[in-house]
Amino acid sequence: MDWTCYVKQGHYGHMSRMPTWLYAVGVDLPELEWSQGEQRLHPVALGRHGYKKARRIGMTAMVGGKDKTRIPNATPLPFRDLLISMARSVACPVCAASRTSVEGIAKMYRYNLW
């Protein structure tokens, strides 16, 4: 059976709410946090620009420096671990036949070796 759900990575440590769609087939479904989550406003943006603009630009707009792309795009480690645990729960005949791990298959897909 396949499942589709909408979760927010903010519950797992992302600096913004970061809405994310998940599509899962043949995995053990973990418990997920389904609530809307609290609104996150950067205090500097709130003080400098006011509520309306701070709400529109969000938390990640205030990230600066060399990590201004990496930080907002990063998957929080707890969310990553949750996704990996889902992937490891798959009954994968290819994995068993070739003794290839889930991570190995992910690399094969990434490098088009599949």
C-alpha atoms as a PDB file:
ATOM      1  CA  MET A   1       0.000   0.000   0.000  1.00  0.00           C
ATOM      2  CA  ASP A   2       1.246   3.510  -0.698  1.00  0.00           C
ATOM      3  CA  TRP A   3       0.881   6.590   1.486  1.00  0.00           C
ATOM      4  CA  THR A   4       1.216  10.314   0.895  1.00  0.00           C
ATOM      5  CA  CYS A   5       1.511  12.808   3.725  1.00  0.00           C
ATOM      6  CA  TYR A   6       2.374  16.413   4.389  1.00  0.00           C
ATOM      7  CA  VAL A   7       4.691  17.095   7.321  1.00  0.00           C
ATOM      8  CA  LYS A   8       6.654  20.084   8.509  1.00  0.00           C
ATOM      9  CA  GLN A   9      10.373  19.666   9.076  1.00  0.00           C
ATOM     10  CA  GLY A  10      10.248  22.427  11.688  1.00  0.00           C
ATOM     11  CA  HIS A  11       9.026  19.815  14.169  1.00  0.00           C
ATOM     12  CA  TYR A  12      12.283  17.951  13.612  1.00  0.00           C
ATOM     13  CA  GLY A  13      14.684  20.870  13.982  1.00  0.00           C
ATOM     14  CA  HIS A  14      14.521  22.921  10.765  1.00  0.00           C
ATOM     15  CA  MET A  15      14.720  26.652  11.405  1.00  0.00           C
ATOM     16  CA  SER A  16      11.540  27.322   9.418  1.00  0.00           C
ATOM     17  CA  ARG A  17       8.394  25.216   9.185  1.00  0.00           C
ATOM     18  CA  MET A  18       9.645  23.709   5.867  1.00  0.00           C
ATOM     19  CA  PRO A  19       6.533  21.918   4.567  1.00  0.00           C
ATOM     20  CA  THR A  20       7.411  18.615   2.909  1.00  0.00           C
ATOM     21  CA  TRP A  21       5.418  15.986   1.004  1.00  0.00           C
ATOM     22  CA  LEU A  22       6.359  12.366   1.613  1.00  0.00           C
ATOM     23  CA  TYR A  23       5.348   9.457  -0.597  1.00  0.00           C
ATOM     24  CA  ALA A  24       5.931   6.044   0.939  1.00  0.00           C
ATOM     25  CA  VAL A  25       5.403   2.583  -0.529  1.00  0.00           C
ATOM     26  CA  GLY A  26       5.946  -0.688   1.317  1.00  0.00           C
ATOM     27  CA  VAL A  27       7.562   0.799   4.404  1.00  0.00           C
ATOM     28  CA  ASP A  28       6.839   0.737   8.108  1.00  0.00           C
ATOM     29  CA  LEU A  29       5.164   4.042   8.857  1.00  0.00           C
ATOM     30  CA  PRO A  30       6.611   5.867  11.878  1.00  0.00           C
ATOM     31  CA  GLU A  31       4.734   8.201  14.161  1.00  0.00           C
ATOM     32  CA  LEU A  32       4.892  11.707  12.686  1.00  0.00           C
ATOM     33  CA  GLU A  33       4.164  15.114  14.174  1.00  0.00           C
ATOM     34  CA  TRP A  34       1.055  16.407  12.392  1.00  0.00           C
ATOM     35  CA  SER A  35       0.368  19.724  14.101  1.00  0.00           C
ATOM     36  CA  GLN A  36       0.648  23.072  12.354  1.00  0.00           C
ATOM     37  CA  GLY A  37       3.497  24.200  14.579  1.00  0.00           C
ATOM     38  CA  GLU A  38       4.113  27.604  16.004  1.00  0.00           C
ATOM     39  CA  GLN A  39       4.809  30.600  13.828  1.00  0.00           C
ATOM     40  CA  ARG A  40       8.508  31.400  13.626  1.00  0.00           C
ATOM     41  CA  LEU A  41       9.625  34.966  13.143  1.00  0.00           C
ATOM     42  CA  HIS A  42      13.230  36.073  13.214  1.00  0.00           C
ATOM     43  CA  PRO A  43      13.582  38.597  16.066  1.00  0.00           C
ATOM     44  CA  VAL A  44      15.895  40.873  14.060  1.00  0.00           C
ATOM     45  CA  ALA A  45      13.486  40.919  11.098  1.00  0.00           C
ATOM     46  CA  LEU A  46      10.575  41.572  13.443  1.00  0.00           C
ATOM     47  CA  GLY A  47      12.350  44.498  15.085  1.00  0.00           C
ATOM     48  CA  ARG A  48      13.734  45.920  11.846  1.00  0.00           C
ATOM     49  CA  HIS A  49      10.799  45.409   9.464  1.00  0.00           C
ATOM     50  CA  GLY A  50       7.712  44.801  11.595  1.00  0.00           C
ATOM     51  CA  TYR A  51       5.364  41.832  11.841  1.00  0.00           C
ATOM     52  CA  LYS A  52       3.933  41.875   8.314  1.00  0.00           C
ATOM     53  CA  LYS A  53       7.268  41.777   6.492  1.00  0.00           C
ATOM     54  CA  ALA A  54       8.914  39.445   9.035  1.00  0.00           C
ATOM     55  CA  ARG A  55       6.060  36.987   8.501  1.00  0.00           C
ATOM     56  CA  ARG A  56       6.397  37.231   4.709  1.00  0.00           C
ATOM     57  CA  ILE A  57      10.181  36.811   4.494  1.00  0.00           C
ATOM     58  CA  GLY A  58      10.344  34.020   7.092  1.00  0.00           C
ATOM     59  CA  MET A  59      13.197  32.725   9.190  1.00  0.00           C
ATOM     60  CA  THR A  60      15.554  31.630   6.454  1.00  0.00           C
ATOM     61  CA  ALA A  61      15.722  35.057   4.793  1.00  0.00           C
ATOM     62  CA  MET A  62      17.756  36.308   7.735  1.00  0.00           C
ATOM     63  CA  VAL A  63      20.509  33.691   7.325  1.00  0.00           C
ATOM     64  CA  GLY A  64      23.637  35.352   6.049  1.00  0.00           C
ATOM     65  CA  GLY A  65      27.266  34.630   5.389  1.00  0.00           C
ATOM     66  CA  LYS A  66      28.786  31.647   3.680  1.00  0.00           C
ATOM     67  CA  ASP A  67      26.049  29.275   4.918  1.00  0.00           C
ATOM     68  CA  LYS A  68      23.077  31.235   3.594  1.00  0.00           C
ATOM     69  CA  THR A  69      22.205  28.452   1.134  1.00  0.00           C
ATOM     70  CA  ARG A  70      23.362  25.395   3.055  1.00  0.00           C
ATOM     71  CA  ILE A  71      21.477  26.086   6.304  1.00  0.00           C
ATOM     72  CA  PRO A  72      17.971  26.646   4.845  1.00  0.00           C
ATOM     73  CA  ASN A  73      18.369  23.692   2.455  1.00  0.00           C
ATOM     74  CA  ALA A  74      19.673  21.256   5.069  1.00  0.00           C
ATOM     75  CA  THR A  75      17.500  18.376   6.248  1.00  0.00           C
ATOM     76  CA  PRO A  76      17.465  18.228  10.066  1.00  0.00           C
ATOM     77  CA  LEU A  77      19.239  15.138  11.415  1.00  0.00           C
ATOM     78  CA  PRO A  78      16.171  13.810  13.293  1.00  0.00           C
ATOM     79  CA  PHE A  79      14.096  14.045  10.088  1.00  0.00           C
ATOM     80  CA  ARG A  80      16.890  12.418   8.078  1.00  0.00           C
ATOM     81  CA  ASP A  81      17.065   9.580  10.600  1.00  0.00           C
ATOM     82  CA  LEU A  82      13.303   9.116  10.377  1.00  0.00           C
ATOM     83  CA  LEU A  83      13.486   8.846   6.569  1.00  0.00           C
ATOM     84  CA  ILE A  84      16.399   6.403   6.754  1.00  0.00           C
ATOM     85  CA  SER A  85      14.502   4.229   9.240  1.00  0.00           C
ATOM     86  CA  MET A  86      11.579   4.156   6.808  1.00  0.00           C
ATOM     87  CA  ALA A  87      13.880   3.151   3.946  1.00  0.00           C
ATOM     88  CA  ARG A  88      15.495   0.415   6.025  1.00  0.00           C
ATOM     89  CA  SER A  89      12.097  -1.110   6.775  1.00  0.00           C
ATOM     90  CA  VAL A  90      11.503  -1.970   3.105  1.00  0.00           C
ATOM     91  CA  ALA A  91      11.471  -5.634   2.228  1.00  0.00           C
ATOM     92  CA  CYS A  92      13.843  -5.364  -0.708  1.00  0.00           C
ATOM     93  CA  PRO A  93      14.510  -8.575  -2.680  1.00  0.00           C
ATOM     94  CA  VAL A  94      17.273  -6.854  -4.648  1.00  0.00           C
ATOM     95  CA  CYS A  95      19.024  -5.950  -1.392  1.00  0.00           C
ATOM     96  CA  ALA A  96      18.797  -9.505  -0.080  1.00  0.00           C
ATOM     97  CA  ALA A  97      19.885 -11.069  -3.373  1.00  0.00           C
ATOM     98  CA  SER A  98      22.894  -8.853  -3.905  1.00  0.00           C
ATOM     99  CA  ARG A  99      23.703  -8.126  -0.252  1.00  0.00           C
ATOM    100  CA  THR A 100      23.439  -4.433  -1.081  1.00  0.00           C
ATOM    101  CA  SER A 101      22.367  -2.058   1.655  1.00  0.00           C
ATOM    102  CA  VAL A 102      19.631   0.540   1.280  1.00  0.00           C
ATOM    103  CA  GLU A 103      22.368   3.192   1.246  1.00  0.00           C
ATOM    104  CA  GLY A 104      24.145   1.317  -1.568  1.00  0.00           C
ATOM    105  CA  ILE A 105      20.980   1.260  -3.647  1.00  0.00           C
ATOM    106  CA  ALA A 106      20.511   4.995  -3.012  1.00  0.00           C
ATOM    107  CA  LYS A 107      24.036   5.577  -4.354  1.00  0.00           C
ATOM    108  CA  MET A 108      23.265   3.414  -7.377  1.00  0.00           C
ATOM    109  CA  TYR A 109      20.221   5.571  -8.137  1.00  0.00           C
ATOM    110  CA  ARG A 110      22.188   8.759  -7.595  1.00  0.00           C
ATOM    111  CA  TYR A 111      24.871   7.708 -10.066  1.00  0.00           C
ATOM    112  CA  ASN A 112      22.426   6.035 -12.498  1.00  0.00           C
ATOM    113  CA  LEU A 113      24.010   2.609 -11.992  1.00  0.00           C
ATOM    114  CA  TRP A 114      20.641   0.937 -11.574  1.00  0.00           C
END
